[in-house]
């Protein structure tokens, strides 16, 4: 009764934030880990891919460095299986 409901951050915004928070190599692993968590929680690959596309738009709107978008693109590759087997999602 009267409890506070905590709203989850928008996935695209969160992915963009993660891409900007760290250098490429760390951001790549952090974003991949975030994606794994979402998939494990039942998020669909299609919805996740769409959110990653939106995250790229968010970065463009923020005039982010190119390496931030590269981290997102690389995790998108992992998502569709265009990567080494140990990095696939």
PDB file of N, CA and C in Angstrom:
ATOM      1  N   UNK A   1       0.830  -1.176   0.000  1.00  0.00           N
ATOM      2  CA  UNK A   1       0.000   0.000   0.000  1.00  0.00           C
ATOM      3  C   UNK A   1       0.872   1.234   0.000  1.00  0.00           C
ATOM      4  N   UNK A   2       0.708   2.027  -1.011  1.00  0.00           N
ATOM      5  CA  UNK A   2       1.439   3.281  -1.075  1.00  0.00           C
ATOM      6  C   UNK A   2       2.919   3.094  -1.354  1.00  0.00           C
ATOM      7  N   UNK A   3       3.310   1.880  -1.809  1.00  0.00           N
ATOM      8  CA  UNK A   3       4.717   1.627  -2.085  1.00  0.00           C
ATOM      9  C   UNK A   3       5.172   2.381  -3.326  1.00  0.00           C
ATOM     10  N   UNK A   4       6.445   2.631  -3.380  1.00  0.00           N
ATOM     11  CA  UNK A   4       7.027   3.316  -4.525  1.00  0.00           C
ATOM     12  C   UNK A   4       7.406   2.284  -5.569  1.00  0.00           C
ATOM     13  N   UNK A   5       6.961   2.481  -6.780  1.00  0.00           N
ATOM     14  CA  UNK A   5       7.303   1.590  -7.879  1.00  0.00           C
ATOM     15  C   UNK A   5       8.484   2.200  -8.616  1.00  0.00           C
ATOM     16  N   UNK A   6       9.567   1.435  -8.682  1.00  0.00           N
ATOM     17  CA  UNK A   6      10.752   1.932  -9.363  1.00  0.00           C
ATOM     18  C   UNK A   6      10.654   1.600 -10.842  1.00  0.00           C
ATOM     19  N   UNK A   7      10.741   2.601 -11.689  1.00  0.00           N
ATOM     20  CA  UNK A   7      10.630   2.394 -13.128  1.00  0.00           C
ATOM     21  C   UNK A   7      11.983   1.984 -13.687  1.00  0.00           C
ATOM     22  N   UNK A   8      11.964   0.966 -14.537  1.00  0.00           N
ATOM     23  CA  UNK A   8      13.186   0.513 -15.185  1.00  0.00           C
ATOM     24  C   UNK A   8      13.594   1.516 -16.262  1.00  0.00           C
ATOM     25  N   UNK A   9      14.883   1.744 -16.420  1.00  0.00           N
ATOM     26  CA  UNK A   9      15.322   2.677 -17.455  1.00  0.00           C
ATOM     27  C   UNK A   9      15.026   2.116 -18.846  1.00  0.00           C
ATOM     28  N   UNK A  10      14.804   2.990 -19.786  1.00  0.00           N
ATOM     29  CA  UNK A  10      14.625   2.600 -21.180  1.00  0.00           C
ATOM     30  C   UNK A  10      15.883   1.853 -21.629  1.00  0.00           C
ATOM     31  N   UNK A  11      15.712   0.708 -22.247  1.00  0.00           N
ATOM     32  CA  UNK A  11      16.855  -0.121 -22.641  1.00  0.00           C
ATOM     33  C   UNK A  11      17.784   0.636 -23.584  1.00  0.00           C
ATOM     34  N   UNK A  12      17.248   1.311 -24.574  1.00  0.00           N
ATOM     35  CA  UNK A  12      18.094   2.045 -25.527  1.00  0.00           C
ATOM     36  C   UNK A  12      18.896   3.129 -24.819  1.00  0.00           C
ATOM     37  N   UNK A  13      18.262   3.854 -23.922  1.00  0.00           N
ATOM     38  CA  UNK A  13      18.976   4.900 -23.166  1.00  0.00           C
ATOM     39  C   UNK A  13      20.059   4.283 -22.299  1.00  0.00           C
ATOM     40  N   UNK A  14      19.739   3.153 -21.661  1.00  0.00           N
ATOM     41  CA  UNK A  14      20.714   2.481 -20.790  1.00  0.00           C
ATOM     42  C   UNK A  14      21.905   1.990 -21.589  1.00  0.00           C
ATOM     43  N   UNK A  15      21.662   1.403 -22.742  1.00  0.00           N
ATOM     44  CA  UNK A  15      22.760   0.920 -23.590  1.00  0.00           C
ATOM     45  C   UNK A  15      23.634   2.094 -24.030  1.00  0.00           C
ATOM     46  N   UNK A  16      23.014   3.201 -24.410  1.00  0.00           N
ATOM     47  CA  UNK A  16      23.787   4.388 -24.799  1.00  0.00           C
ATOM     48  C   UNK A  16      24.622   4.888 -23.625  1.00  0.00           C
ATOM     49  N   UNK A  17      24.036   4.905 -22.435  1.00  0.00           N
ATOM     50  CA  UNK A  17      24.784   5.330 -21.243  1.00  0.00           C
ATOM     51  C   UNK A  17      25.982   4.426 -20.999  1.00  0.00           C
ATOM     52  N   UNK A  18      25.773   3.117 -21.125  1.00  0.00           N
ATOM     53  CA  UNK A  18      26.862   2.162 -20.911  1.00  0.00           C
ATOM     54  C   UNK A  18      27.972   2.345 -21.948  1.00  0.00           C
ATOM     55  N   UNK A  19      27.592   2.620 -23.180  1.00  0.00           N
ATOM     56  CA  UNK A  19      28.576   2.809 -24.249  1.00  0.00           C
ATOM     57  C   UNK A  19      29.446   4.038 -24.001  1.00  0.00           C
ATOM     58  N   UNK A  20      28.878   5.022 -23.357  1.00  0.00           N
ATOM     59  CA  UNK A  20      29.611   6.262 -23.095  1.00  0.00           C
ATOM     60  C   UNK A  20      30.406   6.236 -21.788  1.00  0.00           C
ATOM     61  N   UNK A  21      30.080   5.315 -20.903  1.00  0.00           N
ATOM     62  CA  UNK A  21      30.636   5.333 -19.555  1.00  0.00           C
ATOM     63  C   UNK A  21      32.081   4.854 -19.463  1.00  0.00           C
ATOM     64  N   UNK A  22      32.507   4.039 -20.416  1.00  0.00           N
ATOM     65  CA  UNK A  22      33.826   3.421 -20.319  1.00  0.00           C
ATOM     66  C   UNK A  22      34.499   3.397 -21.682  1.00  0.00           C
ATOM     67  N   UNK A  23      35.810   3.164 -21.699  1.00  0.00           N
ATOM     68  CA  UNK A  23      36.489   2.978 -22.989  1.00  0.00           C
ATOM     69  C   UNK A  23      35.926   1.751 -23.712  1.00  0.00           C
ATOM     70  N   UNK A  24      36.138   1.693 -25.006  1.00  0.00           N
ATOM     71  CA  UNK A  24      35.551   0.668 -25.870  1.00  0.00           C
ATOM     72  C   UNK A  24      35.623  -0.741 -25.294  1.00  0.00           C
ATOM     73  N   UNK A  25      36.811  -1.221 -24.943  1.00  0.00           N
ATOM     74  CA  UNK A  25      36.970  -2.617 -24.522  1.00  0.00           C
ATOM     75  C   UNK A  25      36.120  -2.944 -23.304  1.00  0.00           C
ATOM     76  N   UNK A  26      36.066  -2.061 -22.347  1.00  0.00           N
ATOM     77  CA  UNK A  26      35.249  -2.308 -21.151  1.00  0.00           C
ATOM     78  C   UNK A  26      33.775  -2.138 -21.459  1.00  0.00           C
ATOM     79  N   UNK A  27      33.460  -1.122 -22.245  1.00  0.00           N
ATOM     80  CA  UNK A  27      32.051  -0.885 -22.609  1.00  0.00           C
ATOM     81  C   UNK A  27      31.493  -2.082 -23.369  1.00  0.00           C
ATOM     82  N   UNK A  28      32.284  -2.650 -24.248  1.00  0.00           N
ATOM     83  CA  UNK A  28      31.857  -3.811 -25.027  1.00  0.00           C
ATOM     84  C   UNK A  28      31.424  -4.949 -24.105  1.00  0.00           C
ATOM     85  N   UNK A  29      32.252  -5.271 -23.121  1.00  0.00           N
ATOM     86  CA  UNK A  29      31.933  -6.361 -22.200  1.00  0.00           C
ATOM     87  C   UNK A  29      30.755  -6.011 -21.298  1.00  0.00           C
ATOM     88  N   UNK A  30      30.669  -4.757 -20.881  1.00  0.00           N
ATOM     89  CA  UNK A  30      29.566  -4.328 -20.026  1.00  0.00           C
ATOM     90  C   UNK A  30      28.240  -4.406 -20.776  1.00  0.00           C
ATOM     91  N   UNK A  31      28.222  -3.922 -22.010  1.00  0.00           N
ATOM     92  CA  UNK A  31      26.995  -3.948 -22.817  1.00  0.00           C
ATOM     93  C   UNK A  31      26.606  -5.387 -23.136  1.00  0.00           C
ATOM     94  N   UNK A  32      27.587  -6.215 -23.439  1.00  0.00           N
ATOM     95  CA  UNK A  32      27.307  -7.628 -23.710  1.00  0.00           C
ATOM     96  C   UNK A  32      26.691  -8.268 -22.472  1.00  0.00           C
ATOM     97  N   UNK A  33      27.251  -8.000 -21.310  1.00  0.00           N
ATOM     98  CA  UNK A  33      26.711  -8.548 -20.069  1.00  0.00           C
ATOM     99  C   UNK A  33      25.291  -8.077 -19.798  1.00  0.00           C
ATOM    100  N   UNK A  34      25.024  -6.816 -20.090  1.00  0.00           N
ATOM    101  CA  UNK A  34      23.675  -6.271 -19.937  1.00  0.00           C
ATOM    102  C   UNK A  34      22.704  -7.002 -20.867  1.00  0.00           C
ATOM    103  N   UNK A  35      23.140  -7.236 -22.106  1.00  0.00           N
ATOM    104  CA  UNK A  35      22.306  -7.948 -23.084  1.00  0.00           C
ATOM    105  C   UNK A  35      22.032  -9.372 -22.624  1.00  0.00           C
ATOM    106  N   UNK A  36      23.040 -10.057 -22.099  1.00  0.00           N
ATOM    107  CA  UNK A  36      22.863 -11.421 -21.600  1.00  0.00           C
ATOM    108  C   UNK A  36      21.822 -11.432 -20.484  1.00  0.00           C
ATOM    109  N   UNK A  37      21.904 -10.470 -19.578  1.00  0.00           N
ATOM    110  CA  UNK A  37      20.937 -10.388 -18.489  1.00  0.00           C
ATOM    111  C   UNK A  37      19.520 -10.197 -18.984  1.00  0.00           C
ATOM    112  N   UNK A  38      19.346  -9.343 -19.984  1.00  0.00           N
ATOM    113  CA  UNK A  38      18.019  -9.119 -20.555  1.00  0.00           C
ATOM    114  C   UNK A  38      17.488 -10.377 -21.225  1.00  0.00           C
ATOM    115  N   UNK A  39      18.346 -11.040 -21.994  1.00  0.00           N
ATOM    116  CA  UNK A  39      17.925 -12.273 -22.660  1.00  0.00           C
ATOM    117  C   UNK A  39      17.566 -13.353 -21.642  1.00  0.00           C
ATOM    118  N   UNK A  40      18.358 -13.464 -20.596  1.00  0.00           N
ATOM    119  CA  UNK A  40      18.084 -14.452 -19.545  1.00  0.00           C
ATOM    120  C   UNK A  40      16.762 -14.168 -18.840  1.00  0.00           C
ATOM    121  N   UNK A  41      16.380 -12.886 -18.798  1.00  0.00           N
ATOM    122  CA  UNK A  41      15.135 -12.492 -18.138  1.00  0.00           C
ATOM    123  C   UNK A  41      13.922 -12.632 -19.063  1.00  0.00           C
ATOM    124  N   UNK A  42      14.156 -13.091 -20.316  1.00  0.00           N
ATOM    125  CA  UNK A  42      13.048 -13.324 -21.232  1.00  0.00           C
ATOM    126  C   UNK A  42      12.850 -12.268 -22.299  1.00  0.00           C
ATOM    127  N   UNK A  43      13.734 -11.299 -22.360  1.00  0.00           N
ATOM    128  CA  UNK A  43      13.669 -10.281 -23.407  1.00  0.00           C
ATOM    129  C   UNK A  43      13.945 -10.954 -24.740  1.00  0.00           C
ATOM    130  N   UNK A  44      13.190 -10.641 -25.776  1.00  0.00           N
ATOM    131  CA  UNK A  44      13.408 -11.307 -27.063  1.00  0.00           C
ATOM    132  C   UNK A  44      14.593 -10.698 -27.810  1.00  0.00           C
ATOM    133  N   UNK A  45      15.210 -11.511 -28.633  1.00  0.00           N
ATOM    134  CA  UNK A  45      16.341 -11.029 -29.441  1.00  0.00           C
ATOM    135  C   UNK A  45      15.907  -9.902 -30.377  1.00  0.00           C
ATOM    136  N   UNK A  46      14.708 -10.049 -30.932  1.00  0.00           N
ATOM    137  CA  UNK A  46      14.209  -9.037 -31.865  1.00  0.00           C
ATOM    138  C   UNK A  46      14.028  -7.693 -31.165  1.00  0.00           C
ATOM    139  N   UNK A  47      13.424  -7.716 -29.987  1.00  0.00           N
ATOM    140  CA  UNK A  47      13.218  -6.472 -29.232  1.00  0.00           C
ATOM    141  C   UNK A  47      14.555  -5.874 -28.815  1.00  0.00           C
ATOM    142  N   UNK A  48      15.483  -6.728 -28.415  1.00  0.00           N
ATOM    143  CA  UNK A  48      16.794  -6.240 -27.999  1.00  0.00           C
ATOM    144  C   UNK A  48      17.528  -5.605 -29.179  1.00  0.00           C
ATOM    145  N   UNK A  49      17.450  -6.243 -30.338  1.00  0.00           N
ATOM    146  CA  UNK A  49      18.107  -5.690 -31.528  1.00  0.00           C
ATOM    147  C   UNK A  49      17.521  -4.313 -31.863  1.00  0.00           C
ATOM    148  N   UNK A  50      16.205  -4.198 -31.794  1.00  0.00           N
ATOM    149  CA  UNK A  50      15.553  -2.907 -32.054  1.00  0.00           C
ATOM    150  C   UNK A  50      15.993  -1.849 -31.047  1.00  0.00           C
ATOM    151  N   UNK A  51      16.113  -2.244 -29.784  1.00  0.00           N
ATOM    152  CA  UNK A  51      16.573  -1.304 -28.765  1.00  0.00           C
ATOM    153  C   UNK A  51      18.017  -0.878 -29.003  1.00  0.00           C
ATOM    154  N   UNK A  52      18.838  -1.797 -29.477  1.00  0.00           N
ATOM    155  CA  UNK A  52      20.220  -1.436 -29.793  1.00  0.00           C
ATOM    156  C   UNK A  52      20.261  -0.461 -30.974  1.00  0.00           C
ATOM    157  N   UNK A  53      19.390  -0.658 -31.942  1.00  0.00           N
ATOM    158  CA  UNK A  53      19.299   0.295 -33.060  1.00  0.00           C
ATOM    159  C   UNK A  53      18.914   1.681 -32.534  1.00  0.00           C
ATOM    160  N   UNK A  54      17.944   1.706 -31.625  1.00  0.00           N
ATOM    161  CA  UNK A  54      17.536   2.984 -31.037  1.00  0.00           C
ATOM    162  C   UNK A  54      18.674   3.600 -30.218  1.00  0.00           C
ATOM    163  N   UNK A  55      19.468   2.763 -29.560  1.00  0.00           N
ATOM    164  CA  UNK A  55      20.614   3.266 -28.786  1.00  0.00           C
ATOM    165  C   UNK A  55      21.604   3.979 -29.693  1.00  0.00           C
ATOM    166  N   UNK A  56      21.773   3.475 -30.895  1.00  0.00           N
ATOM    167  CA  UNK A  56      22.663   4.151 -31.856  1.00  0.00           C
ATOM    168  C   UNK A  56      22.133   5.540 -32.180  1.00  0.00           C
ATOM    169  N   UNK A  57      20.832   5.662 -32.332  1.00  0.00           N
ATOM    170  CA  UNK A  57      20.219   6.972 -32.587  1.00  0.00           C
ATOM    171  C   UNK A  57      20.400   7.898 -31.393  1.00  0.00           C
ATOM    172  N   UNK A  58      20.275   7.341 -30.197  1.00  0.00           N
ATOM    173  CA  UNK A  58      20.483   8.131 -28.985  1.00  0.00           C
ATOM    174  C   UNK A  58      21.904   8.692 -28.977  1.00  0.00           C
ATOM    175  N   UNK A  59      22.879   7.851 -29.312  1.00  0.00           N
ATOM    176  CA  UNK A  59      24.274   8.302 -29.337  1.00  0.00           C
ATOM    177  C   UNK A  59      24.480   9.402 -30.370  1.00  0.00           C
ATOM    178  N   UNK A  60      23.870   9.253 -31.526  1.00  0.00           N
ATOM    179  CA  UNK A  60      23.999  10.291 -32.557  1.00  0.00           C
ATOM    180  C   UNK A  60      23.419  11.603 -32.057  1.00  0.00           C
ATOM    181  N   UNK A  61      22.317  11.531 -31.334  1.00  0.00           N
ATOM    182  CA  UNK A  61      21.707  12.726 -30.770  1.00  0.00           C
ATOM    183  C   UNK A  61      22.566  13.374 -29.707  1.00  0.00           C
ATOM    184  N   UNK A  62      23.410  12.580 -29.083  1.00  0.00           N
ATOM    185  CA  UNK A  62      24.314  13.093 -28.041  1.00  0.00           C
ATOM    186  C   UNK A  62      25.668  13.487 -28.618  1.00  0.00           C
ATOM    187  N   UNK A  63      25.843  13.335 -29.913  1.00  0.00           N
ATOM    188  CA  UNK A  63      27.112  13.634 -30.578  1.00  0.00           C
ATOM    189  C   UNK A  63      28.265  12.863 -29.921  1.00  0.00           C
ATOM    190  N   UNK A  64      28.026  11.580 -29.711  1.00  0.00           N
ATOM    191  CA  UNK A  64      28.973  10.710 -29.013  1.00  0.00           C
ATOM    192  C   UNK A  64      30.135  10.317 -29.916  1.00  0.00           C
ATOM    193  N   UNK A  65      31.257   9.939 -29.317  1.00  0.00           N
ATOM    194  CA  UNK A  65      32.398   9.480 -30.120  1.00  0.00           C
ATOM    195  C   UNK A  65      32.069   8.185 -30.861  1.00  0.00           C
ATOM    196  N   UNK A  66      32.727   7.989 -31.975  1.00  0.00           N
ATOM    197  CA  UNK A  66      32.467   6.832 -32.837  1.00  0.00           C
ATOM    198  C   UNK A  66      32.687   5.505 -32.119  1.00  0.00           C
ATOM    199  N   UNK A  67      33.649   5.444 -31.210  1.00  0.00           N
ATOM    200  CA  UNK A  67      33.929   4.179 -30.524  1.00  0.00           C
ATOM    201  C   UNK A  67      32.751   3.727 -29.658  1.00  0.00           C
ATOM    202  N   UNK A  68      31.931   4.653 -29.210  1.00  0.00           N
ATOM    203  CA  UNK A  68      30.747   4.282 -28.435  1.00  0.00           C
ATOM    204  C   UNK A  68      29.761   3.519 -29.310  1.00  0.00           C
ATOM    205  N   UNK A  69      29.565   4.007 -30.524  1.00  0.00           N
ATOM    206  CA  UNK A  69      28.671   3.312 -31.449  1.00  0.00           C
ATOM    207  C   UNK A  69      29.272   1.971 -31.868  1.00  0.00           C
ATOM    208  N   UNK A  70      30.590   1.914 -32.011  1.00  0.00           N
ATOM    209  CA  UNK A  70      31.250   0.658 -32.389  1.00  0.00           C
ATOM    210  C   UNK A  70      30.995  -0.434 -31.353  1.00  0.00           C
ATOM    211  N   UNK A  71      31.010  -0.074 -30.084  1.00  0.00           N
ATOM    212  CA  UNK A  71      30.737  -1.058 -29.033  1.00  0.00           C
ATOM    213  C   UNK A  71      29.329  -1.624 -29.189  1.00  0.00           C
ATOM    214  N   UNK A  72      28.372  -0.761 -29.482  1.00  0.00           N
ATOM    215  CA  UNK A  72      26.991  -1.206 -29.671  1.00  0.00           C
ATOM    216  C   UNK A  72      26.878  -2.085 -30.916  1.00  0.00           C
ATOM    217  N   UNK A  73      27.495  -1.660 -32.003  1.00  0.00           N
ATOM    218  CA  UNK A  73      27.451  -2.452 -33.237  1.00  0.00           C
ATOM    219  C   UNK A  73      28.066  -3.835 -33.044  1.00  0.00           C
ATOM    220  N   UNK A  74      29.157  -3.899 -32.286  1.00  0.00           N
ATOM    221  CA  UNK A  74      29.793  -5.190 -32.062  1.00  0.00           C
ATOM    222  C   UNK A  74      28.901  -6.118 -31.243  1.00  0.00           C
ATOM    223  N   UNK A  75      28.217  -5.591 -30.244  1.00  0.00           N
ATOM    224  CA  UNK A  75      27.304  -6.435 -29.465  1.00  0.00           C
ATOM    225  C   UNK A  75      26.112  -6.851 -30.332  1.00  0.00           C
ATOM    226  N   UNK A  76      25.679  -5.995 -31.236  1.00  0.00           N
ATOM    227  CA  UNK A  76      24.620  -6.380 -32.171  1.00  0.00           C
ATOM    228  C   UNK A  76      25.092  -7.554 -33.027  1.00  0.00           C
ATOM    229  N   UNK A  77      26.356  -7.543 -33.436  1.00  0.00           N
ATOM    230  CA  UNK A  77      26.915  -8.675 -34.182  1.00  0.00           C
ATOM    231  C   UNK A  77      26.868  -9.949 -33.342  1.00  0.00           C
ATOM    232  N   UNK A  78      27.203  -9.834 -32.065  1.00  0.00           N
ATOM    233  CA  UNK A  78      27.141 -10.997 -31.175  1.00  0.00           C
ATOM    234  C   UNK A  78      25.710 -11.535 -31.119  1.00  0.00           C
ATOM    235  N   UNK A  79      24.767 -10.620 -31.090  1.00  0.00           N
ATOM    236  CA  UNK A  79      23.353 -10.979 -30.965  1.00  0.00           C
ATOM    237  C   UNK A  79      22.854 -11.779 -32.165  1.00  0.00           C
ATOM    238  N   UNK A  80      23.317 -11.428 -33.356  1.00  0.00           N
ATOM    239  CA  UNK A  80      22.866 -12.141 -34.561  1.00  0.00           C
ATOM    240  C   UNK A  80      23.794 -13.292 -34.943  1.00  0.00           C
ATOM    241  N   UNK A  81      24.839 -13.513 -34.146  1.00  0.00           N
ATOM    242  CA  UNK A  81      25.723 -14.649 -34.387  1.00  0.00           C
ATOM    243  C   UNK A  81      26.880 -14.372 -35.313  1.00  0.00           C
ATOM    244  N   UNK A  82      27.125 -13.111 -35.614  1.00  0.00           N
ATOM    245  CA  UNK A  82      28.230 -12.744 -36.497  1.00  0.00           C
ATOM    246  C   UNK A  82      29.450 -12.445 -35.630  1.00  0.00           C
ATOM    247  N   UNK A  83      30.000 -13.521 -35.017  1.00  0.00           N
ATOM    248  CA  UNK A  83      31.142 -13.358 -34.121  1.00  0.00           C
ATOM    249  C   UNK A  83      31.727 -14.724 -33.802  1.00  0.00           C
ATOM    250  N   UNK A  84      32.803 -14.709 -33.041  1.00  0.00           N
ATOM    251  CA  UNK A  84      33.374 -15.952 -32.547  1.00  0.00           C
ATOM    252  C   UNK A  84      32.343 -16.654 -31.665  1.00  0.00           C
ATOM    253  N   UNK A  85      32.386 -17.964 -31.648  1.00  0.00           N
ATOM    254  CA  UNK A  85      31.370 -18.714 -30.918  1.00  0.00           C
ATOM    255  C   UNK A  85      31.318 -18.362 -29.432  1.00  0.00           C
ATOM    256  N   UNK A  86      32.435 -18.012 -28.826  1.00  0.00           N
ATOM    257  CA  UNK A  86      32.426 -17.714 -27.402  1.00  0.00           C
ATOM    258  C   UNK A  86      31.834 -16.343 -27.077  1.00  0.00           C
ATOM    259  N   UNK A  87      31.628 -15.485 -28.072  1.00  0.00           N
ATOM    260  CA  UNK A  87      31.038 -14.164 -27.840  1.00  0.00           C
ATOM    261  C   UNK A  87      29.569 -14.101 -28.250  1.00  0.00           C
ATOM    262  N   UNK A  88      29.077 -15.118 -28.946  1.00  0.00           N
ATOM    263  CA  UNK A  88      27.669 -15.121 -29.390  1.00  0.00           C
ATOM    264  C   UNK A  88      26.745 -15.053 -28.198  1.00  0.00           C
ATOM    265  N   UNK A  89      25.602 -14.436 -28.421  1.00  0.00           N
ATOM    266  CA  UNK A  89      24.580 -14.336 -27.372  1.00  0.00           C
ATOM    267  C   UNK A  89      23.453 -15.310 -27.665  1.00  0.00           C
TER     268      UNK A  89
END
